């Protein structure tokens, strides 16, 4: 029996540290040993469980198809909490086994997929209800001023602030030729430039529409970058 092993962790930090991977690998190795199976390939995905597009899983499925192998995962919920995705995988033509339930059949997997989807929806609903209740109590959720408030209070992570500033600088550099073109075309006022940037589908560094104030900030940042060059 040939098998292809697939491991998934949900964060980059977990992927780098190996947290969770060792337990999954041990479960699959134990399965392979008890079935006297040969592992022909191993794939590791660092991805959110809510995302169904996974390149490493696609590679694992392809190898399993061309070699006639069985895809083995440590636990069924390592694939996804999305019932439609699990059912699609079940019907893909690739044999797959969860090491914690090696004797599960298609019907069992289908039922578990529906239960997993129901659990995911219940978690989402409870989270929304908790946030709604907090708002009704008058609780303020999040920081309405974002990174600007952190900079004014001289708090927060300096690396994160530097990353935000670097992103804004890069965005300004990318827009510099556009600004020059607008000015040459006669869009010289802040309002006119904002309107034309919006018309052309350009967005601010935060992905929003342009206003006079954001155009003014853009021009000021470009001036600073020119002075620093």
Protein backbone atom coordinates (compact mmCIF):
# COMPACT_ATOMS: atom_id res chain seq x y z
CA UNK A 1 0.00 0.00 0.00
CA UNK A 2 1.37 3.39 -1.02
CA UNK A 3 0.31 6.55 0.78
CA UNK A 4 0.79 10.30 0.40
CA UNK A 5 0.84 12.21 3.69
CA UNK A 6 -0.63 15.66 4.07
CA UNK A 7 -0.14 17.94 7.07
CA UNK A 8 -1.73 21.31 7.69
CA UNK A 9 -1.12 24.07 10.21
CA UNK A 10 -3.08 27.30 10.28
CA UNK A 11 -0.34 29.90 10.91
CA UNK A 12 3.12 30.69 9.58
CA UNK A 13 4.45 30.64 13.15
CA UNK A 14 3.22 27.10 13.63
CA UNK A 15 4.73 26.09 10.32
CA UNK A 16 8.13 27.49 11.24
CA UNK A 17 8.16 26.09 14.77
CA UNK A 18 6.78 22.69 13.87
CA UNK A 19 4.00 23.12 16.43
CA UNK A 20 1.29 20.65 15.53
CA UNK A 21 3.25 19.12 12.67
CA UNK A 22 5.09 16.61 14.84
CA UNK A 23 1.86 15.20 16.25
CA UNK A 24 0.35 14.91 12.77
CA UNK A 25 3.47 13.25 11.39
CA UNK A 26 3.56 10.79 14.30
CA UNK A 27 -0.08 9.82 13.74
CA UNK A 28 0.50 9.23 10.02
CA UNK A 29 3.76 7.32 10.66
CA UNK A 30 1.92 5.07 13.11
CA UNK A 31 -0.81 4.48 10.54
CA UNK A 32 1.79 3.63 7.88
CA UNK A 33 3.58 1.22 10.22
CA UNK A 34 0.42 -0.64 11.21
CA UNK A 35 -0.64 -0.98 7.56
CA UNK A 36 2.90 -1.70 6.29
CA UNK A 37 2.45 1.19 3.90
CA UNK A 38 5.14 3.05 1.95
CA UNK A 39 5.08 6.87 2.02
CA UNK A 40 5.71 8.06 -1.55
CA UNK A 41 5.36 11.77 -0.77
CA UNK A 42 4.71 14.21 2.06
CA UNK A 43 3.22 17.69 1.80
CA UNK A 44 2.81 20.43 4.40
CA UNK A 45 0.37 23.31 4.08
CA UNK A 46 0.45 26.53 6.11
CA UNK A 47 -3.04 27.88 5.62
CA UNK A 48 -6.27 28.89 7.32
CA UNK A 49 -8.86 26.17 7.68
CA UNK A 50 -11.43 28.48 6.07
CA UNK A 51 -9.51 28.67 2.80
CA UNK A 52 -10.28 25.94 0.29
CA UNK A 53 -7.58 26.77 -2.27
CA UNK A 54 -4.44 24.98 -1.10
CA UNK A 55 -1.57 24.42 -3.52
CA UNK A 56 0.16 21.76 -1.39
CA UNK A 57 -3.05 19.77 -1.09
CA UNK A 58 -3.47 19.99 -4.86
CA UNK A 59 0.04 18.57 -5.28
CA UNK A 60 -0.69 15.80 -2.80
CA UNK A 61 -3.91 14.87 -4.59
CA UNK A 62 -2.14 14.86 -7.97
CA UNK A 63 0.63 12.56 -6.70
CA UNK A 64 -1.94 10.26 -5.13
CA UNK A 65 -3.82 10.06 -8.44
CA UNK A 66 -0.81 9.32 -10.64
CA UNK A 67 0.65 6.76 -8.24
CA UNK A 68 -2.62 5.17 -7.18
CA UNK A 69 -1.81 6.04 -3.59
CA UNK A 70 -4.08 6.88 -0.68
CA UNK A 71 -3.99 10.38 0.77
CA UNK A 72 -3.55 10.15 4.54
CA UNK A 73 -4.22 12.94 7.01
CA UNK A 74 -3.89 12.87 10.79
CA UNK A 75 -7.40 14.12 11.56
CA UNK A 76 -10.36 14.90 9.38
CA UNK A 77 -10.70 18.43 10.77
CA UNK A 78 -7.14 19.24 9.60
CA UNK A 79 -8.54 19.56 6.09
CA UNK A 80 -11.38 22.00 6.61
CA UNK A 81 -14.53 22.84 8.54
CA UNK A 82 -16.27 23.49 5.22
CA UNK A 83 -18.71 20.71 4.35
CA UNK A 84 -18.80 21.49 0.62
CA UNK A 85 -15.01 21.28 0.42
CA UNK A 86 -14.87 17.97 2.27
CA UNK A 87 -17.61 16.47 0.15
CA UNK A 88 -15.84 17.64 -3.01
CA UNK A 89 -12.64 16.00 -1.80
CA UNK A 90 -14.57 12.83 -1.05
CA UNK A 91 -15.90 12.76 -4.61
CA UNK A 92 -12.58 13.71 -6.28
CA UNK A 93 -11.69 10.10 -7.07
CA UNK A 94 -8.70 10.06 -4.70
CA UNK A 95 -8.84 7.62 -1.82
CA UNK A 96 -8.16 9.36 1.45
CA UNK A 97 -8.00 8.23 5.05
CA UNK A 98 -7.89 10.04 8.37
CA UNK A 99 -5.40 8.30 10.66
CA UNK A 100 -7.68 8.79 13.67
CA UNK A 101 -10.59 7.13 11.77
CA UNK A 102 -9.01 4.65 9.33
CA UNK A 103 -12.21 2.65 8.89
CA UNK A 104 -14.51 5.60 8.13
CA UNK A 105 -16.48 5.20 4.91
CA UNK A 106 -17.88 7.82 2.53
CA UNK A 107 -21.13 8.05 4.48
CA UNK A 108 -19.27 8.64 7.75
CA UNK A 109 -17.12 11.31 6.15
CA UNK A 110 -20.18 13.01 4.67
CA UNK A 111 -21.93 13.12 8.05
CA UNK A 112 -18.80 14.42 9.78
CA UNK A 113 -18.41 17.08 7.10
CA UNK A 114 -21.92 18.36 7.75
CA UNK A 115 -21.30 18.35 11.51
CA UNK A 116 -18.03 20.24 11.01
CA UNK A 117 -19.83 22.84 8.92
CA UNK A 118 -22.53 23.21 11.58
CA UNK A 119 -19.86 23.68 14.25
CA UNK A 120 -18.11 26.35 12.20
CA UNK A 121 -21.37 28.23 11.68
CA UNK A 122 -22.21 27.96 15.39
CA UNK A 123 -18.82 29.42 16.37
CA UNK A 124 -19.32 32.29 13.94
CA UNK A 125 -22.83 32.94 15.25
CA UNK A 126 -21.71 32.93 18.90
CA UNK A 127 -18.88 35.35 18.10
CA UNK A 128 -21.24 37.75 16.36
CA UNK A 129 -23.74 37.55 19.23
CA UNK A 130 -21.00 38.25 21.79
CA UNK A 131 -19.79 41.29 19.84
CA UNK A 132 -23.35 42.56 19.46
CA UNK A 133 -23.97 42.19 23.20
CA UNK A 134 -20.75 44.05 23.96
CA UNK A 135 -21.80 46.92 21.70
CA UNK A 136 -25.20 47.10 23.39
CA UNK A 137 -23.42 47.43 26.75
CA UNK A 138 -21.56 50.41 25.34
CA UNK A 139 -18.19 48.70 25.01
CA UNK A 140 -15.82 50.25 22.49
CA UNK A 141 -14.41 47.57 20.24
CA UNK A 142 -11.03 48.16 18.64
CA UNK A 143 -9.16 51.41 18.15
CA UNK A 144 -11.11 53.82 15.91
CA UNK A 145 -7.97 55.77 15.01
CA UNK A 146 -5.77 52.79 14.20
CA UNK A 147 -2.03 53.27 13.80
CA UNK A 148 -2.32 57.07 14.01
CA UNK A 149 -3.49 56.85 17.64
CA UNK A 150 -0.61 54.52 18.49
CA UNK A 151 1.90 56.94 17.01
CA UNK A 152 0.42 59.92 18.87
CA UNK A 153 0.55 58.04 22.17
CA UNK A 154 4.04 56.79 21.39
CA UNK A 155 2.83 53.24 21.99
CA UNK A 156 2.62 50.10 19.99
CA UNK A 157 5.15 48.01 18.21
CA UNK A 158 7.86 50.12 16.56
CA UNK A 159 8.43 47.49 13.89
CA UNK A 160 4.74 47.53 13.00
CA UNK A 161 4.73 51.34 12.78
CA UNK A 162 7.84 51.25 10.60
CA UNK A 163 6.18 48.69 8.34
CA UNK A 164 3.12 50.93 7.95
CA UNK A 165 5.30 53.89 7.09
CA UNK A 166 7.30 51.83 4.61
CA UNK A 167 4.10 50.65 2.95
CA UNK A 168 2.87 54.24 2.66
CA UNK A 169 6.22 55.33 1.17
CA UNK A 170 6.13 52.53 -1.41
CA UNK A 171 2.56 53.43 -2.31
CA UNK A 172 3.54 57.08 -2.76
CA UNK A 173 6.47 56.14 -5.02
CA UNK A 174 4.17 54.03 -7.17
CA UNK A 175 1.75 56.93 -7.51
CA UNK A 176 4.42 59.56 -8.22
CA UNK A 177 4.20 59.18 -12.05
CA UNK A 178 0.41 59.36 -11.82
CA UNK A 179 0.60 62.59 -9.82
CA UNK A 180 2.97 64.13 -12.35
CA UNK A 181 0.64 63.12 -15.19
CA UNK A 182 -2.40 64.58 -13.42
CA UNK A 183 -0.64 67.87 -12.81
CA UNK A 184 0.46 68.06 -16.44
CA UNK A 185 -3.13 67.44 -17.51
CA UNK A 186 -4.36 70.39 -15.45
CA UNK A 187 -5.61 68.62 -12.32
CA UNK A 188 -3.79 70.90 -9.92
CA UNK A 189 -6.19 71.39 -7.00
CA UNK A 190 -6.54 68.82 -4.23
CA UNK A 191 -10.20 68.24 -5.02
CA UNK A 192 -9.59 67.80 -8.73
CA UNK A 193 -6.76 65.35 -8.12
CA UNK A 194 -8.85 63.36 -5.64
CA UNK A 195 -11.72 63.13 -8.11
CA UNK A 196 -9.51 61.99 -10.96
CA UNK A 197 -7.68 59.42 -8.81
CA UNK A 198 -11.04 57.96 -7.82
CA UNK A 199 -12.24 57.98 -11.42
CA UNK A 200 -9.16 56.03 -12.50
CA UNK A 201 -9.71 53.43 -9.77
CA UNK A 202 -6.69 54.42 -7.70
CA UNK A 203 -6.87 53.69 -3.95
CA UNK A 204 -5.20 55.14 -0.87
CA UNK A 205 -2.63 53.00 1.02
CA UNK A 206 -5.52 51.78 3.19
CA UNK A 207 -7.57 50.80 0.15
CA UNK A 208 -10.03 53.71 0.40
CA UNK A 209 -11.25 56.51 -1.85
CA UNK A 210 -9.28 59.71 -2.16
CA UNK A 211 -10.25 62.99 -0.49
CA UNK A 212 -8.56 66.38 -0.34
CA UNK A 213 -6.85 65.47 2.93
CA UNK A 214 -5.45 62.18 1.62
CA UNK A 215 -4.16 63.86 -1.55
CA UNK A 216 -2.53 66.52 0.61
CA UNK A 217 -0.83 63.79 2.67
CA UNK A 218 0.31 62.06 -0.53
CA UNK A 219 1.90 65.25 -1.90
CA UNK A 220 3.59 65.92 1.44
CA UNK A 221 4.99 62.40 1.55
CA UNK A 222 6.31 62.68 -2.01
CA UNK A 223 8.01 65.95 -1.09
CA UNK A 224 9.65 64.28 1.91
CA UNK A 225 10.83 61.37 -0.23
CA UNK A 226 12.34 63.80 -2.76
CA UNK A 227 14.21 65.63 0.00
CA UNK A 228 15.52 62.37 1.44
CA UNK A 229 16.69 61.11 -1.96
